[in-house]
């Protein structure tokens, strides 16, 4: 961590969390504060521009990129409960030459929540009790883009930054999945343009958890959780879905 013993965090909350899952935003804020951070939520923040860029309109997202930089450049760190949006800002957002220095600062200091806790705050695990049987869904952008965990196609030592934080929770059983890092099928606009494939991929992902008796599917991207939650609700699957921030915030008194 930088010399500042209490880093000032700019809390970046993606659109779908703001609109549909504000409880995850609140849990993230409270968790960071419990871990000793000073947290500010810039009220003027808007979309980071990922949907436009992913749809092929990267140049049209320069306005949202410029606003994002202006909103967050003065913070020590920017933290978000989403690997997908963080990856976009960090590696895929268009270059804004007039804001080059500030953009470099933002891209060098933006973190997904679990990697911020493990890599910046240097917290190895969190103590508490959560007596449930969980399965972990590793979202693609966080896994392969931000390297939040090892992936099965590479011959490398196993690691998972999110599960590392939860490994010492009393009573928690973490299930080993058959296909631990398979895509859930959401993929942003892919879920709209390729609906049938997207739904079947989601069904397969949920089945891998349900077949092993998982009570709660835990993830780090609410977009993926939203997709699977919709399928599980329609199919009446006996499984809950949660963001890991909700669990960690709950267990810390």
C-alpha atoms as a PDB file:
ATOM      1  CA  UNK A   1       0.000   0.000   0.000  1.00  0.00           C
ATOM      2  CA  UNK A   2       1.145   3.569  -0.576  1.00  0.00           C
ATOM      3  CA  UNK A   3       2.561   5.603   2.323  1.00  0.00           C
ATOM      4  CA  UNK A   4      -0.911   6.944   3.082  1.00  0.00           C
ATOM      5  CA  UNK A   5      -2.069   4.688   5.959  1.00  0.00           C
ATOM      6  CA  UNK A   6      -5.717   5.345   5.122  1.00  0.00           C
ATOM      7  CA  UNK A   7      -6.011   5.431   1.331  1.00  0.00           C
ATOM      8  CA  UNK A   8      -8.733   7.543  -0.219  1.00  0.00           C
ATOM      9  CA  UNK A   9     -10.839   5.324  -2.440  1.00  0.00           C
ATOM     10  CA  UNK A  10     -13.076   6.454  -5.274  1.00  0.00           C
ATOM     11  CA  UNK A  11     -15.914   3.927  -5.308  1.00  0.00           C
ATOM     12  CA  UNK A  12     -16.893   3.025  -8.871  1.00  0.00           C
ATOM     13  CA  UNK A  13     -20.294   1.353  -9.080  1.00  0.00           C
ATOM     14  CA  UNK A  14     -21.234  -0.071 -12.511  1.00  0.00           C
ATOM     15  CA  UNK A  15     -24.604   0.807 -14.031  1.00  0.00           C
ATOM     16  CA  UNK A  16     -26.372  -2.499 -13.480  1.00  0.00           C
ATOM     17  CA  UNK A  17     -25.351  -2.607  -9.816  1.00  0.00           C
ATOM     18  CA  UNK A  18     -26.560   0.953  -9.322  1.00  0.00           C
ATOM     19  CA  UNK A  19     -29.898   0.203 -10.998  1.00  0.00           C
ATOM     20  CA  UNK A  20     -30.659  -3.367  -9.931  1.00  0.00           C
ATOM     21  CA  UNK A  21     -28.361  -4.407  -7.056  1.00  0.00           C
ATOM     22  CA  UNK A  22     -27.686  -1.370  -4.825  1.00  0.00           C
ATOM     23  CA  UNK A  23     -27.237  -3.757  -1.896  1.00  0.00           C
ATOM     24  CA  UNK A  24     -23.951  -4.879  -3.488  1.00  0.00           C
ATOM     25  CA  UNK A  25     -22.790  -1.269  -3.754  1.00  0.00           C
ATOM     26  CA  UNK A  26     -23.629  -0.669  -0.105  1.00  0.00           C
ATOM     27  CA  UNK A  27     -21.862  -3.868   0.946  1.00  0.00           C
ATOM     28  CA  UNK A  28     -18.746  -2.807  -0.982  1.00  0.00           C
ATOM     29  CA  UNK A  29     -18.721   0.621   0.652  1.00  0.00           C
ATOM     30  CA  UNK A  30     -19.196  -0.786   4.138  1.00  0.00           C
ATOM     31  CA  UNK A  31     -16.597  -3.516   3.624  1.00  0.00           C
ATOM     32  CA  UNK A  32     -13.911  -1.069   2.490  1.00  0.00           C
ATOM     33  CA  UNK A  33     -14.646   1.224   5.426  1.00  0.00           C
ATOM     34  CA  UNK A  34     -14.448  -1.708   7.858  1.00  0.00           C
ATOM     35  CA  UNK A  35     -11.031  -2.498   6.380  1.00  0.00           C
ATOM     36  CA  UNK A  36      -9.793   1.003   7.201  1.00  0.00           C
ATOM     37  CA  UNK A  37     -10.268   2.866   3.930  1.00  0.00           C
ATOM     38  CA  UNK A  38     -11.663   6.344   3.409  1.00  0.00           C
ATOM     39  CA  UNK A  39     -14.281   5.905   0.688  1.00  0.00           C
ATOM     40  CA  UNK A  40     -16.015   8.490  -1.479  1.00  0.00           C
ATOM     41  CA  UNK A  41     -18.720   7.813  -4.023  1.00  0.00           C
ATOM     42  CA  UNK A  42     -18.577  10.465  -6.783  1.00  0.00           C
ATOM     43  CA  UNK A  43     -22.240  11.307  -7.319  1.00  0.00           C
ATOM     44  CA  UNK A  44     -21.749  12.415 -10.923  1.00  0.00           C
ATOM     45  CA  UNK A  45     -20.280   9.137 -12.167  1.00  0.00           C
ATOM     46  CA  UNK A  46     -21.876   7.477 -15.173  1.00  0.00           C
ATOM     47  CA  UNK A  47     -21.269   4.445 -17.393  1.00  0.00           C
ATOM     48  CA  UNK A  48     -17.617   3.615 -18.083  1.00  0.00           C
ATOM     49  CA  UNK A  49     -18.421   3.075 -21.776  1.00  0.00           C
ATOM     50  CA  UNK A  50     -17.920  -0.675 -21.947  1.00  0.00           C
ATOM     51  CA  UNK A  51     -21.249  -1.514 -23.684  1.00  0.00           C
ATOM     52  CA  UNK A  52     -20.505   0.875 -26.551  1.00  0.00           C
ATOM     53  CA  UNK A  53     -16.953  -0.355 -26.980  1.00  0.00           C
ATOM     54  CA  UNK A  54     -17.990  -4.012 -26.905  1.00  0.00           C
ATOM     55  CA  UNK A  55     -20.590  -3.304 -29.580  1.00  0.00           C
ATOM     56  CA  UNK A  56     -17.910  -1.871 -31.882  1.00  0.00           C
ATOM     57  CA  UNK A  57     -18.409   1.823 -31.159  1.00  0.00           C
ATOM     58  CA  UNK A  58     -15.201   2.470 -29.225  1.00  0.00           C
ATOM     59  CA  UNK A  59     -14.713   5.978 -30.629  1.00  0.00           C
ATOM     60  CA  UNK A  60     -18.183   6.944 -29.388  1.00  0.00           C
ATOM     61  CA  UNK A  61     -17.178   6.068 -25.828  1.00  0.00           C
ATOM     62  CA  UNK A  62     -14.489   8.759 -25.617  1.00  0.00           C
ATOM     63  CA  UNK A  63     -16.966  11.064 -23.888  1.00  0.00           C
ATOM     64  CA  UNK A  64     -17.748   8.574 -21.133  1.00  0.00           C
ATOM     65  CA  UNK A  65     -14.038   7.807 -20.804  1.00  0.00           C
ATOM     66  CA  UNK A  66     -13.196  11.495 -20.388  1.00  0.00           C
ATOM     67  CA  UNK A  67     -15.882  11.902 -17.746  1.00  0.00           C
ATOM     68  CA  UNK A  68     -14.704   8.810 -15.898  1.00  0.00           C
ATOM     69  CA  UNK A  69     -11.156  10.175 -15.799  1.00  0.00           C
ATOM     70  CA  UNK A  70     -12.364  13.569 -14.553  1.00  0.00           C
ATOM     71  CA  UNK A  71     -14.491  11.938 -11.852  1.00  0.00           C
ATOM     72  CA  UNK A  72     -11.807   9.609 -10.498  1.00  0.00           C
ATOM     73  CA  UNK A  73      -8.324  10.983 -11.259  1.00  0.00           C
ATOM     74  CA  UNK A  74      -7.921  12.688  -7.867  1.00  0.00           C
ATOM     75  CA  UNK A  75      -8.304   9.521  -5.792  1.00  0.00           C
ATOM     76  CA  UNK A  76      -5.470   7.330  -4.523  1.00  0.00           C
ATOM     77  CA  UNK A  77      -7.278   4.265  -5.858  1.00  0.00           C
ATOM     78  CA  UNK A  78     -10.469   3.448  -7.715  1.00  0.00           C
ATOM     79  CA  UNK A  79     -12.225   0.267  -6.585  1.00  0.00           C
ATOM     80  CA  UNK A  80     -15.240  -1.509  -8.075  1.00  0.00           C
ATOM     81  CA  UNK A  81     -17.129  -4.749  -7.328  1.00  0.00           C
ATOM     82  CA  UNK A  82     -16.794  -5.771 -10.974  1.00  0.00           C
ATOM     83  CA  UNK A  83     -13.908  -7.300 -12.891  1.00  0.00           C
ATOM     84  CA  UNK A  84     -15.593  -6.642 -16.222  1.00  0.00           C
ATOM     85  CA  UNK A  85     -15.883  -2.869 -15.909  1.00  0.00           C
ATOM     86  CA  UNK A  86     -12.471  -2.558 -14.268  1.00  0.00           C
ATOM     87  CA  UNK A  87     -10.861  -4.436 -17.154  1.00  0.00           C
ATOM     88  CA  UNK A  88     -12.507  -2.095 -19.655  1.00  0.00           C
ATOM     89  CA  UNK A  89     -11.252   1.039 -17.909  1.00  0.00           C
ATOM     90  CA  UNK A  90      -7.814  -0.428 -17.313  1.00  0.00           C
ATOM     91  CA  UNK A  91      -7.059  -1.958 -20.706  1.00  0.00           C
ATOM     92  CA  UNK A  92      -9.769  -1.338 -23.289  1.00  0.00           C
ATOM     93  CA  UNK A  93     -10.974   2.250 -22.936  1.00  0.00           C
ATOM     94  CA  UNK A  94      -9.970   4.638 -25.762  1.00  0.00           C
ATOM     95  CA  UNK A  95      -6.965   6.888 -25.233  1.00  0.00           C
ATOM     96  CA  UNK A  96      -7.756  10.514 -24.427  1.00  0.00           C
ATOM     97  CA  UNK A  97      -4.612  12.462 -25.302  1.00  0.00           C
ATOM     98  CA  UNK A  98      -5.643  15.700 -23.580  1.00  0.00           C
ATOM     99  CA  UNK A  99      -6.059  13.736 -20.328  1.00  0.00           C
ATOM    100  CA  UNK A 100      -3.093  11.412 -20.837  1.00  0.00           C
ATOM    101  CA  UNK A 101      -1.446  11.890 -17.433  1.00  0.00           C
ATOM    102  CA  UNK A 102      -4.701  11.536 -15.508  1.00  0.00           C
ATOM    103  CA  UNK A 103      -5.748   8.543 -17.599  1.00  0.00           C
ATOM    104  CA  UNK A 104      -2.480   6.792 -16.844  1.00  0.00           C
ATOM    105  CA  UNK A 105      -3.052   7.403 -13.131  1.00  0.00           C
ATOM    106  CA  UNK A 106      -6.587   6.015 -13.317  1.00  0.00           C
ATOM    107  CA  UNK A 107      -5.567   2.944 -15.310  1.00  0.00           C
ATOM    108  CA  UNK A 108      -2.658   2.206 -12.963  1.00  0.00           C
ATOM    109  CA  UNK A 109      -4.740   2.545  -9.820  1.00  0.00           C
ATOM    110  CA  UNK A 110      -8.109   0.990 -10.608  1.00  0.00           C
ATOM    111  CA  UNK A 111      -8.797  -2.373  -8.980  1.00  0.00           C
ATOM    112  CA  UNK A 112     -11.485  -4.997  -8.723  1.00  0.00           C
ATOM    113  CA  UNK A 113     -12.536  -5.371  -5.090  1.00  0.00           C
ATOM    114  CA  UNK A 114     -10.862  -8.700  -4.241  1.00  0.00           C
ATOM    115  CA  UNK A 115      -7.566  -7.803  -5.898  1.00  0.00           C
ATOM    116  CA  UNK A 116      -7.525  -4.464  -4.058  1.00  0.00           C
ATOM    117  CA  UNK A 117      -7.975  -6.199  -0.722  1.00  0.00           C
ATOM    118  CA  UNK A 118      -5.351  -8.873  -1.413  1.00  0.00           C
ATOM    119  CA  UNK A 119      -2.799  -6.933  -3.489  1.00  0.00           C
ATOM    120  CA  UNK A 120      -3.008  -3.402  -2.075  1.00  0.00           C
ATOM    121  CA  UNK A 121      -4.320  -3.769   1.473  1.00  0.00           C
ATOM    122  CA  UNK A 122      -2.293  -7.021   1.755  1.00  0.00           C
ATOM    123  CA  UNK A 123      -5.060  -8.874   3.579  1.00  0.00           C
ATOM    124  CA  UNK A 124      -4.654 -12.626   3.183  1.00  0.00           C
ATOM    125  CA  UNK A 125      -8.030 -13.742   4.515  1.00  0.00           C
ATOM    126  CA  UNK A 126     -10.996 -12.502   6.520  1.00  0.00           C
ATOM    127  CA  UNK A 127     -12.207 -14.137   9.709  1.00  0.00           C
ATOM    128  CA  UNK A 128     -15.825 -14.852  10.474  1.00  0.00           C
ATOM    129  CA  UNK A 129     -18.548 -17.444  10.121  1.00  0.00           C
ATOM    130  CA  UNK A 130     -20.609 -18.327   7.063  1.00  0.00           C
ATOM    131  CA  UNK A 131     -21.907 -21.894   7.437  1.00  0.00           C
ATOM    132  CA  UNK A 132     -23.010 -22.567   3.881  1.00  0.00           C
ATOM    133  CA  UNK A 133     -22.031 -24.757   0.957  1.00  0.00           C
ATOM    134  CA  UNK A 134     -20.946 -22.499  -1.883  1.00  0.00           C
ATOM    135  CA  UNK A 135     -19.737 -22.765  -5.447  1.00  0.00           C
ATOM    136  CA  UNK A 136     -17.692 -19.965  -6.969  1.00  0.00           C
ATOM    137  CA  UNK A 137     -18.358 -18.598 -10.446  1.00  0.00           C
ATOM    138  CA  UNK A 138     -15.204 -17.087 -11.945  1.00  0.00           C
ATOM    139  CA  UNK A 139     -16.298 -14.463 -14.475  1.00  0.00           C
ATOM    140  CA  UNK A 140     -14.321 -14.371 -17.704  1.00  0.00           C
ATOM    141  CA  UNK A 141     -13.047 -10.777 -17.682  1.00  0.00           C
ATOM    142  CA  UNK A 142     -11.844 -10.976 -14.107  1.00  0.00           C
ATOM    143  CA  UNK A 143     -10.330 -14.406 -14.596  1.00  0.00           C
ATOM    144  CA  UNK A 144      -8.526 -14.040 -17.901  1.00  0.00           C
ATOM    145  CA  UNK A 145      -8.300 -10.278 -18.192  1.00  0.00           C
ATOM    146  CA  UNK A 146      -7.360  -9.214 -14.664  1.00  0.00           C
ATOM    147  CA  UNK A 147      -5.926 -12.607 -13.625  1.00  0.00           C
ATOM    148  CA  UNK A 148      -7.953 -12.779 -10.418  1.00  0.00           C
ATOM    149  CA  UNK A 149      -7.510 -16.554 -10.458  1.00  0.00           C
ATOM    150  CA  UNK A 150      -5.647 -19.254 -12.314  1.00  0.00           C
ATOM    151  CA  UNK A 151      -7.446 -20.697 -15.312  1.00  0.00           C
ATOM    152  CA  UNK A 152      -7.679 -24.325 -16.305  1.00  0.00           C
ATOM    153  CA  UNK A 153      -6.180 -24.011 -19.784  1.00  0.00           C
ATOM    154  CA  UNK A 154      -2.831 -22.863 -18.391  1.00  0.00           C
ATOM    155  CA  UNK A 155      -0.263 -25.045 -16.655  1.00  0.00           C
ATOM    156  CA  UNK A 156       0.249 -22.836 -13.625  1.00  0.00           C
ATOM    157  CA  UNK A 157      -0.074 -22.946  -9.819  1.00  0.00           C
ATOM    158  CA  UNK A 158      -3.670 -22.663  -8.646  1.00  0.00           C
ATOM    159  CA  UNK A 159      -4.812 -19.417  -7.045  1.00  0.00           C
ATOM    160  CA  UNK A 160      -8.041 -17.482  -6.567  1.00  0.00           C
ATOM    161  CA  UNK A 161      -7.929 -14.078  -4.888  1.00  0.00           C
ATOM    162  CA  UNK A 162     -11.600 -14.043  -3.946  1.00  0.00           C
ATOM    163  CA  UNK A 163     -11.631 -17.539  -2.443  1.00  0.00           C
ATOM    164  CA  UNK A 164      -8.384 -16.692  -0.669  1.00  0.00           C
ATOM    165  CA  UNK A 165     -10.275 -14.038   1.273  1.00  0.00           C
ATOM    166  CA  UNK A 166     -13.028 -16.493   2.230  1.00  0.00           C
ATOM    167  CA  UNK A 167     -10.946 -19.607   2.903  1.00  0.00           C
ATOM    168  CA  UNK A 168     -10.892 -19.132   6.698  1.00  0.00           C
ATOM    169  CA  UNK A 169     -14.607 -18.481   7.168  1.00  0.00           C
ATOM    170  CA  UNK A 170     -15.913 -20.951   9.739  1.00  0.00           C
ATOM    171  CA  UNK A 171     -18.450 -23.435   8.457  1.00  0.00           C
ATOM    172  CA  UNK A 172     -18.062 -22.573   4.792  1.00  0.00           C
ATOM    173  CA  UNK A 173     -17.680 -25.472   2.374  1.00  0.00           C
ATOM    174  CA  UNK A 174     -16.287 -24.524  -1.032  1.00  0.00           C
ATOM    175  CA  UNK A 175     -17.312 -27.053  -3.675  1.00  0.00           C
ATOM    176  CA  UNK A 176     -14.898 -28.136  -6.398  1.00  0.00           C
ATOM    177  CA  UNK A 177     -16.774 -27.724  -9.674  1.00  0.00           C
ATOM    178  CA  UNK A 178     -16.390 -29.963 -12.713  1.00  0.00           C
ATOM    179  CA  UNK A 179     -15.770 -26.975 -15.019  1.00  0.00           C
ATOM    180  CA  UNK A 180     -14.658 -24.306 -12.587  1.00  0.00           C
ATOM    181  CA  UNK A 181     -13.979 -21.491 -15.043  1.00  0.00           C
ATOM    182  CA  UNK A 182     -16.532 -22.022 -17.787  1.00  0.00           C
ATOM    183  CA  UNK A 183     -18.390 -18.960 -19.116  1.00  0.00           C
ATOM    184  CA  UNK A 184     -21.983 -18.489 -17.913  1.00  0.00           C
ATOM    185  CA  UNK A 185     -23.073 -17.224 -21.330  1.00  0.00           C
ATOM    186  CA  UNK A 186     -23.896 -13.628 -20.412  1.00  0.00           C
ATOM    187  CA  UNK A 187     -21.243 -11.742 -22.370  1.00  0.00           C
ATOM    188  CA  UNK A 188     -23.094  -8.419 -22.424  1.00  0.00           C
ATOM    189  CA  UNK A 189     -24.889  -8.001 -25.758  1.00  0.00           C
ATOM    190  CA  UNK A 190     -24.121 -11.657 -26.543  1.00  0.00           C
ATOM    191  CA  UNK A 191     -27.039 -12.547 -24.271  1.00  0.00           C
ATOM    192  CA  UNK A 192     -29.286 -10.511 -26.584  1.00  0.00           C
ATOM    193  CA  UNK A 193     -27.895 -11.370 -30.015  1.00  0.00           C
ATOM    194  CA  UNK A 194     -27.344 -15.066 -29.233  1.00  0.00           C
ATOM    195  CA  UNK A 195     -30.109 -15.651 -26.722  1.00  0.00           C
ATOM    196  CA  UNK A 196     -30.520 -19.417 -27.138  1.00  0.00           C
ATOM    197  CA  UNK A 197     -26.794 -20.167 -26.812  1.00  0.00           C
ATOM    198  CA  UNK A 198     -26.487 -17.743 -23.897  1.00  0.00           C
ATOM    199  CA  UNK A 199     -29.359 -19.378 -22.002  1.00  0.00           C
ATOM    200  CA  UNK A 200     -28.033 -22.908 -22.533  1.00  0.00           C
ATOM    201  CA  UNK A 201     -24.579 -21.893 -21.321  1.00  0.00           C
ATOM    202  CA  UNK A 202     -26.185 -20.407 -18.223  1.00  0.00           C
ATOM    203  CA  UNK A 203     -28.182 -23.574 -17.608  1.00  0.00           C
ATOM    204  CA  UNK A 204     -25.009 -25.676 -17.883  1.00  0.00           C
ATOM    205  CA  UNK A 205     -23.181 -23.411 -15.442  1.00  0.00           C
ATOM    206  CA  UNK A 206     -25.966 -23.545 -12.878  1.00  0.00           C
ATOM    207  CA  UNK A 207     -26.281 -27.336 -13.225  1.00  0.00           C
ATOM    208  CA  UNK A 208     -22.600 -27.773 -12.343  1.00  0.00           C
ATOM    209  CA  UNK A 209     -23.379 -26.140  -8.986  1.00  0.00           C
ATOM    210  CA  UNK A 210     -26.812 -27.612  -8.322  1.00  0.00           C
ATOM    211  CA  UNK A 211     -25.701 -31.178  -9.083  1.00  0.00           C
ATOM    212  CA  UNK A 212     -23.130 -30.872  -6.299  1.00  0.00           C
ATOM    213  CA  UNK A 213     -25.573 -29.606  -3.707  1.00  0.00           C
ATOM    214  CA  UNK A 214     -24.412 -25.987  -3.705  1.00  0.00           C
ATOM    215  CA  UNK A 215     -26.606 -23.675  -1.602  1.00  0.00           C
ATOM    216  CA  UNK A 216     -25.183 -20.387  -2.872  1.00  0.00           C
ATOM    217  CA  UNK A 217     -23.435 -19.537  -6.131  1.00  0.00           C
ATOM    218  CA  UNK A 218     -20.950 -16.781  -5.288  1.00  0.00           C
ATOM    219  CA  UNK A 219     -19.390 -14.472  -7.846  1.00  0.00           C
ATOM    220  CA  UNK A 220     -17.644 -11.167  -8.345  1.00  0.00           C
ATOM    221  CA  UNK A 221     -19.591  -9.754 -11.292  1.00  0.00           C
ATOM    222  CA  UNK A 222     -23.277  -9.002 -10.858  1.00  0.00           C
ATOM    223  CA  UNK A 223     -23.800  -9.112 -14.632  1.00  0.00           C
ATOM    224  CA  UNK A 224     -23.035 -12.840 -14.618  1.00  0.00           C
ATOM    225  CA  UNK A 225     -24.976 -13.355 -11.397  1.00  0.00           C
ATOM    226  CA  UNK A 226     -27.955 -11.474 -12.864  1.00  0.00           C
ATOM    227  CA  UNK A 227     -27.903 -13.740 -15.914  1.00  0.00           C
ATOM    228  CA  UNK A 228     -27.746 -16.934 -13.884  1.00  0.00           C
ATOM    229  CA  UNK A 229     -30.247 -15.680 -11.335  1.00  0.00           C
ATOM    230  CA  UNK A 230     -32.800 -15.066 -14.076  1.00  0.00           C
ATOM    231  CA  UNK A 231     -32.361 -18.581 -15.444  1.00  0.00           C
ATOM    232  CA  UNK A 232     -32.394 -20.201 -11.988  1.00  0.00           C
ATOM    233  CA  UNK A 233     -35.574 -18.336 -11.039  1.00  0.00           C
ATOM    234  CA  UNK A 234     -37.413 -19.345 -14.212  1.00  0.00           C
ATOM    235  CA  UNK A 235     -36.272 -22.969 -13.869  1.00  0.00           C
ATOM    236  CA  UNK A 236     -37.083 -22.977 -10.130  1.00  0.00           C
ATOM    237  CA  UNK A 237     -33.584 -24.191  -9.238  1.00  0.00           C
ATOM    238  CA  UNK A 238     -33.043 -24.491  -5.495  1.00  0.00           C
ATOM    239  CA  UNK A 239     -29.993 -22.237  -5.319  1.00  0.00           C
ATOM    240  CA  UNK A 240     -29.226 -18.678  -4.222  1.00  0.00           C
ATOM    241  CA  UNK A 241     -26.765 -16.254  -5.824  1.00  0.00           C
ATOM    242  CA  UNK A 242     -24.651 -13.656  -4.024  1.00  0.00           C
ATOM    243  CA  UNK A 243     -21.788 -11.264  -4.645  1.00  0.00           C
ATOM    244  CA  UNK A 244     -18.793 -12.037  -2.437  1.00  0.00           C
ATOM    245  CA  UNK A 245     -18.840  -8.463  -1.069  1.00  0.00           C
ATOM    246  CA  UNK A 246     -22.179  -9.210   0.573  1.00  0.00           C
ATOM    247  CA  UNK A 247     -20.688 -12.223   2.355  1.00  0.00           C
ATOM    248  CA  UNK A 248     -17.495 -10.544   3.528  1.00  0.00           C
ATOM    249  CA  UNK A 249     -19.346  -7.464   4.725  1.00  0.00           C
ATOM    250  CA  UNK A 250     -21.830  -9.628   6.624  1.00  0.00           C
ATOM    251  CA  UNK A 251     -19.196 -11.650   8.475  1.00  0.00           C
ATOM    252  CA  UNK A 252     -17.190  -8.639   9.684  1.00  0.00           C
ATOM    253  CA  UNK A 253     -18.856  -7.200  12.772  1.00  0.00           C
END
